[in-house]
Amino acid sequence: RNHPKITLYRQRSIRGGGGGGGDKPSPEKKEANMTAEKDEKTNASDALSNCLLSQFRFCTGGVGLGVAYGIRYKKGAVPMVVGGVAGSVADLFYGYTIACKDQVEEYHRKQSS
């Protein structure tokens, strides 16, 4: 069986003018390079976001302690809310400094380049 040749892409040639200046990348290549660089930064940002948002231990503990305190000493939702907010701040701090240290370093490396 003889199948026709299917071309999936068209190769473009870059023609240089006189004077040897033919190594200029096309606008499409510049845009592709910028898009790839932006994707790398976005991937680092997404990885860091996912890691930081997956920290929940201190928030859960803060809410639990707030509920216990609220039942035992002070009625109402205020101790639970305060415990949850304090736990969330502790989760972000723990994630940024310990649990997600590799993602933080990669994010800063991508942002500085």
N, C-alpha and C. Protein backbone atom coordinates (compact mmCIF):
# COMPACT_ATOMS: atom_id res chain seq x y z
N ARG A 1 0.85 -1.19 0.00
CA ARG A 1 0.00 0.00 0.00
C ARG A 1 0.88 1.23 0.00
N ASN A 2 0.51 2.16 -0.74
CA ASN A 2 1.27 3.39 -0.88
C ASN A 2 0.48 4.53 -0.24
N HIS A 3 0.96 5.04 0.90
CA HIS A 3 0.27 6.12 1.61
C HIS A 3 0.85 7.46 1.19
N PRO A 4 0.00 8.46 1.08
CA PRO A 4 0.54 9.79 0.75
C PRO A 4 1.31 10.34 1.95
N LYS A 5 2.32 11.13 1.67
CA LYS A 5 3.12 11.74 2.72
C LYS A 5 2.34 12.90 3.32
N ILE A 6 2.17 12.86 4.63
CA ILE A 6 1.43 13.91 5.34
C ILE A 6 2.43 14.76 6.10
N THR A 7 2.43 16.03 5.83
CA THR A 7 3.32 16.95 6.52
C THR A 7 2.57 17.57 7.69
N LEU A 8 3.12 17.42 8.89
CA LEU A 8 2.46 17.95 10.08
C LEU A 8 2.84 19.40 10.36
N TYR A 9 3.94 19.83 9.84
CA TYR A 9 4.35 21.21 10.04
C TYR A 9 5.11 21.66 8.81
N ARG A 10 5.19 22.95 8.65
CA ARG A 10 5.92 23.51 7.54
C ARG A 10 7.17 24.17 8.07
N GLN A 11 8.30 23.76 7.53
CA GLN A 11 9.56 24.33 7.99
C GLN A 11 9.73 25.69 7.36
N ARG A 12 10.10 26.65 8.18
CA ARG A 12 10.29 28.01 7.70
C ARG A 12 11.76 28.31 7.61
N SER A 13 12.14 29.01 6.62
CA SER A 13 13.54 29.40 6.51
C SER A 13 13.65 30.88 6.83
N ILE A 14 14.76 31.22 7.44
CA ILE A 14 15.01 32.61 7.79
C ILE A 14 16.03 33.13 6.80
N ARG A 15 15.61 34.09 6.05
CA ARG A 15 16.52 34.66 5.05
C ARG A 15 17.16 35.90 5.62
N GLY A 16 18.43 35.96 5.47
CA GLY A 16 19.15 37.15 5.92
C GLY A 16 19.39 38.08 4.77
N GLY A 17 19.42 39.34 5.07
CA GLY A 17 19.74 40.31 4.05
C GLY A 17 21.25 40.37 3.85
N GLY A 18 21.70 41.31 3.13
CA GLY A 18 23.14 41.47 2.93
C GLY A 18 23.82 41.87 4.23
N GLY A 19 25.06 41.51 4.41
CA GLY A 19 25.80 41.91 5.58
C GLY A 19 25.84 40.85 6.66
N GLY A 20 25.30 39.67 6.43
CA GLY A 20 25.44 38.57 7.38
C GLY A 20 24.56 38.66 8.60
N GLY A 21 23.48 39.40 8.56
CA GLY A 21 22.61 39.52 9.72
C GLY A 21 21.41 38.61 9.67
N GLY A 22 21.55 37.40 9.17
CA GLY A 22 20.42 36.51 8.97
C GLY A 22 20.07 35.65 10.15
N ASP A 23 20.65 35.85 11.31
CA ASP A 23 20.38 35.02 12.47
C ASP A 23 19.31 35.58 13.38
N LYS A 24 18.53 36.50 12.92
CA LYS A 24 17.48 37.08 13.74
C LYS A 24 16.32 36.10 13.85
N PRO A 25 15.86 35.83 15.07
CA PRO A 25 14.71 34.92 15.20
C PRO A 25 13.44 35.60 14.73
N SER A 26 12.54 34.81 14.20
CA SER A 26 11.27 35.35 13.73
C SER A 26 10.43 35.78 14.92
N PRO A 27 9.45 36.64 14.71
CA PRO A 27 8.57 37.04 15.81
C PRO A 27 7.84 35.85 16.44
N GLU A 28 7.54 34.83 15.63
CA GLU A 28 6.89 33.64 16.17
C GLU A 28 7.79 32.92 17.16
N LYS A 29 9.09 32.83 16.83
CA LYS A 29 10.04 32.17 17.74
C LYS A 29 10.21 32.97 19.01
N LYS A 30 10.27 34.30 18.89
CA LYS A 30 10.38 35.13 20.09
C LYS A 30 9.17 34.92 20.99
N GLU A 31 7.99 34.89 20.38
CA GLU A 31 6.77 34.69 21.16
C GLU A 31 6.75 33.29 21.79
N ALA A 32 7.22 32.30 21.06
CA ALA A 32 7.27 30.93 21.60
C ALA A 32 8.24 30.85 22.77
N ASN A 33 9.39 31.52 22.66
CA ASN A 33 10.35 31.54 23.76
C ASN A 33 9.77 32.24 24.98
N MET A 34 9.08 33.36 24.76
CA MET A 34 8.49 34.08 25.88
C MET A 34 7.38 33.25 26.52
N THR A 35 6.62 32.54 25.69
CA THR A 35 5.54 31.70 26.21
C THR A 35 6.12 30.55 27.03
N ALA A 36 7.20 29.93 26.54
CA ALA A 36 7.82 28.83 27.28
C ALA A 36 8.37 29.32 28.61
N GLU A 37 8.98 30.51 28.61
CA GLU A 37 9.52 31.08 29.85
C GLU A 37 8.39 31.39 30.83
N LYS A 38 7.29 31.92 30.31
CA LYS A 38 6.13 32.23 31.15
C LYS A 38 5.53 30.94 31.72
N ASP A 39 5.49 29.87 30.89
CA ASP A 39 4.96 28.59 31.37
C ASP A 39 5.81 28.03 32.49
N GLU A 40 7.14 28.17 32.41
CA GLU A 40 8.02 27.69 33.47
C GLU A 40 7.74 28.44 34.77
N LYS A 41 7.58 29.75 34.67
CA LYS A 41 7.27 30.54 35.86
C LYS A 41 5.91 30.17 36.42
N THR A 42 4.94 29.94 35.52
CA THR A 42 3.61 29.56 35.96
C THR A 42 3.63 28.20 36.63
N ASN A 43 4.40 27.26 36.08
CA ASN A 43 4.50 25.93 36.69
C ASN A 43 5.10 26.02 38.09
N ALA A 44 6.14 26.84 38.25
CA ALA A 44 6.75 27.02 39.58
C ALA A 44 5.75 27.66 40.53
N SER A 45 5.01 28.63 40.04
CA SER A 45 4.00 29.30 40.87
C SER A 45 2.89 28.34 41.26
N ASP A 46 2.43 27.54 40.31
CA ASP A 46 1.38 26.57 40.61
C ASP A 46 1.84 25.52 41.61
N ALA A 47 3.09 25.05 41.44
CA ALA A 47 3.62 24.04 42.38
C ALA A 47 3.69 24.61 43.79
N LEU A 48 4.15 25.86 43.90
CA LEU A 48 4.24 26.49 45.22
C LEU A 48 2.84 26.70 45.81
N SER A 49 1.91 27.16 45.01
CA SER A 49 0.54 27.37 45.49
C SER A 49 -0.09 26.07 45.98
N ASN A 50 0.08 25.02 45.17
CA ASN A 50 -0.49 23.72 45.57
C ASN A 50 0.12 23.22 46.87
N CYS A 51 1.43 23.39 47.02
CA CYS A 51 2.09 22.93 48.24
C CYS A 51 1.62 23.74 49.46
N LEU A 52 1.59 25.05 49.32
CA LEU A 52 1.18 25.89 50.45
C LEU A 52 -0.28 25.65 50.84
N LEU A 53 -1.13 25.46 49.85
CA LEU A 53 -2.54 25.26 50.15
C LEU A 53 -2.86 23.85 50.64
N SER A 54 -1.89 22.95 50.55
CA SER A 54 -2.12 21.61 51.06
C SER A 54 -1.78 21.48 52.55
N GLN A 55 -1.30 22.54 53.15
CA GLN A 55 -0.98 22.53 54.59
C GLN A 55 -2.26 22.83 55.37
N PHE A 56 -2.63 21.95 56.28
CA PHE A 56 -3.89 22.14 56.99
C PHE A 56 -3.79 21.76 58.47
N ARG A 57 -2.69 21.22 58.90
CA ARG A 57 -2.61 20.64 60.25
C ARG A 57 -2.85 21.66 61.36
N PHE A 58 -2.18 22.79 61.28
CA PHE A 58 -2.31 23.78 62.34
C PHE A 58 -3.69 24.42 62.35
N CYS A 59 -4.26 24.62 61.17
CA CYS A 59 -5.62 25.18 61.11
C CYS A 59 -6.61 24.22 61.77
N THR A 60 -6.48 22.94 61.44
CA THR A 60 -7.36 21.94 62.05
C THR A 60 -7.17 21.91 63.56
N GLY A 61 -5.93 21.94 63.98
CA GLY A 61 -5.64 21.95 65.42
C GLY A 61 -6.17 23.20 66.10
N GLY A 62 -6.01 24.35 65.43
CA GLY A 62 -6.51 25.60 66.00
C GLY A 62 -8.02 25.61 66.14
N VAL A 63 -8.71 25.10 65.13
CA VAL A 63 -10.17 25.04 65.21
C VAL A 63 -10.59 24.07 66.32
N GLY A 64 -9.91 22.92 66.40
CA GLY A 64 -10.23 21.95 67.45
C GLY A 64 -10.02 22.51 68.83
N LEU A 65 -8.88 23.19 69.03
CA LEU A 65 -8.64 23.81 70.34
C LEU A 65 -9.63 24.93 70.62
N GLY A 66 -9.97 25.68 69.58
CA GLY A 66 -10.96 26.75 69.75
C GLY A 66 -12.32 26.21 70.13
N VAL A 67 -12.71 25.10 69.52
CA VAL A 67 -14.00 24.49 69.88
C VAL A 67 -13.96 24.01 71.32
N ALA A 68 -12.88 23.34 71.70
CA ALA A 68 -12.76 22.85 73.08
C ALA A 68 -12.77 24.00 74.07
N TYR A 69 -12.04 25.07 73.76
CA TYR A 69 -12.02 26.23 74.65
C TYR A 69 -13.40 26.88 74.72
N GLY A 70 -14.07 26.98 73.57
CA GLY A 70 -15.39 27.58 73.52
C GLY A 70 -16.41 26.79 74.31
N ILE A 71 -16.31 25.48 74.27
CA ILE A 71 -17.24 24.65 75.04
C ILE A 71 -16.95 24.76 76.52
N ARG A 72 -15.69 24.76 76.87
CA ARG A 72 -15.30 24.71 78.28
C ARG A 72 -15.44 26.06 78.99
N TYR A 73 -14.93 27.13 78.35
CA TYR A 73 -14.84 28.41 79.06
C TYR A 73 -15.73 29.51 78.50
N LYS A 74 -15.72 29.70 77.21
CA LYS A 74 -16.41 30.86 76.64
C LYS A 74 -17.34 30.39 75.52
N LYS A 75 -18.59 30.62 75.66
CA LYS A 75 -19.55 30.17 74.66
C LYS A 75 -19.47 31.06 73.42
N GLY A 76 -19.71 30.46 72.27
CA GLY A 76 -19.72 31.22 71.03
C GLY A 76 -18.68 30.70 70.05
N ALA A 77 -18.66 31.32 68.89
CA ALA A 77 -17.78 30.88 67.80
C ALA A 77 -16.46 31.63 67.76
N VAL A 78 -16.29 32.66 68.59
CA VAL A 78 -15.08 33.48 68.52
C VAL A 78 -13.81 32.66 68.78
N PRO A 79 -13.74 31.81 69.80
CA PRO A 79 -12.52 31.03 70.00
C PRO A 79 -12.20 30.11 68.82
N MET A 80 -13.22 29.55 68.20
CA MET A 80 -13.01 28.68 67.04
C MET A 80 -12.47 29.47 65.86
N VAL A 81 -13.01 30.64 65.61
CA VAL A 81 -12.55 31.48 64.50
C VAL A 81 -11.12 31.94 64.74
N VAL A 82 -10.84 32.39 65.96
CA VAL A 82 -9.47 32.85 66.28
C VAL A 82 -8.49 31.70 66.13
N GLY A 83 -8.86 30.52 66.63
CA GLY A 83 -7.99 29.35 66.49
C GLY A 83 -7.77 28.97 65.04
N GLY A 84 -8.81 29.05 64.21
CA GLY A 84 -8.68 28.74 62.79
C GLY A 84 -7.79 29.72 62.05
N VAL A 85 -7.94 31.01 62.34
CA VAL A 85 -7.12 32.03 61.68
C VAL A 85 -5.67 31.89 62.13
N ALA A 86 -5.44 31.72 63.42
CA ALA A 86 -4.07 31.55 63.91
C ALA A 86 -3.44 30.28 63.32
N GLY A 87 -4.22 29.22 63.22
CA GLY A 87 -3.72 27.98 62.62
C GLY A 87 -3.41 28.14 61.14
N SER A 88 -4.23 28.90 60.43
CA SER A 88 -3.97 29.14 59.00
C SER A 88 -2.68 29.91 58.79
N VAL A 89 -2.45 30.93 59.61
CA VAL A 89 -1.20 31.69 59.53
C VAL A 89 -0.02 30.77 59.85
N ALA A 90 -0.17 29.93 60.85
CA ALA A 90 0.90 28.98 61.20
C ALA A 90 1.13 27.99 60.06
N ASP A 91 0.08 27.54 59.38
CA ASP A 91 0.23 26.64 58.24
C ASP A 91 1.01 27.29 57.11
N LEU A 92 0.68 28.54 56.79
CA LEU A 92 1.40 29.23 55.73
C LEU A 92 2.87 29.42 56.10
N PHE A 93 3.14 29.80 57.33
CA PHE A 93 4.53 29.98 57.77
C PHE A 93 5.28 28.65 57.73
N TYR A 94 4.67 27.59 58.23
CA TYR A 94 5.30 26.27 58.22
C TYR A 94 5.54 25.79 56.79
N GLY A 95 4.57 25.98 55.92
CA GLY A 95 4.72 25.57 54.53
C GLY A 95 5.81 26.35 53.83
N TYR A 96 5.85 27.65 54.04
CA TYR A 96 6.83 28.50 53.35
C TYR A 96 8.25 28.23 53.82
N THR A 97 8.42 27.94 55.10
CA THR A 97 9.78 27.79 55.64
C THR A 97 10.26 26.35 55.70
N ILE A 98 9.36 25.36 55.81
CA ILE A 98 9.81 23.99 56.02
C ILE A 98 9.26 23.04 54.96
N ALA A 99 7.96 22.88 54.88
CA ALA A 99 7.35 21.84 54.05
C ALA A 99 7.54 22.10 52.55
N CYS A 100 7.49 23.35 52.12
CA CYS A 100 7.55 23.69 50.69
C CYS A 100 8.84 24.41 50.34
N LYS A 101 9.89 24.14 51.06
CA LYS A 101 11.15 24.86 50.88
C LYS A 101 11.69 24.72 49.45
N ASP A 102 11.61 23.51 48.88
CA ASP A 102 12.11 23.29 47.52
C ASP A 102 11.31 24.10 46.50
N GLN A 103 9.98 24.13 46.65
CA GLN A 103 9.15 24.88 45.72
C GLN A 103 9.38 26.38 45.86
N VAL A 104 9.63 26.85 47.08
CA VAL A 104 9.91 28.27 47.29
C VAL A 104 11.22 28.66 46.59
N GLU A 105 12.24 27.82 46.74
CA GLU A 105 13.53 28.11 46.09
C GLU A 105 13.40 28.09 44.58
N GLU A 106 12.66 27.11 44.04
CA GLU A 106 12.46 27.05 42.60
C GLU A 106 11.69 28.26 42.10
N TYR A 107 10.67 28.67 42.85
CA TYR A 107 9.88 29.84 42.47
C TYR A 107 10.75 31.10 42.42
N HIS A 108 11.58 31.29 43.45
CA HIS A 108 12.44 32.48 43.46
C HIS A 108 13.48 32.41 42.35
N ARG A 109 13.99 31.22 42.06
CA ARG A 109 14.97 31.06 40.98
C ARG A 109 14.33 31.42 39.63
N LYS A 110 13.11 30.96 39.39
CA LYS A 110 12.42 31.27 38.13
C LYS A 110 12.06 32.74 38.03
N GLN A 111 11.70 33.37 39.16
CA GLN A 111 11.34 34.78 39.14
C GLN A 111 12.54 35.68 38.89
N SER A 112 13.71 35.26 39.35
CA SER A 112 14.90 36.10 39.19
C SER A 112 15.52 35.95 37.81
N SER A 113 15.16 34.90 37.08
CA SER A 113 15.75 34.72 35.74
C SER A 113 14.90 35.34 34.66
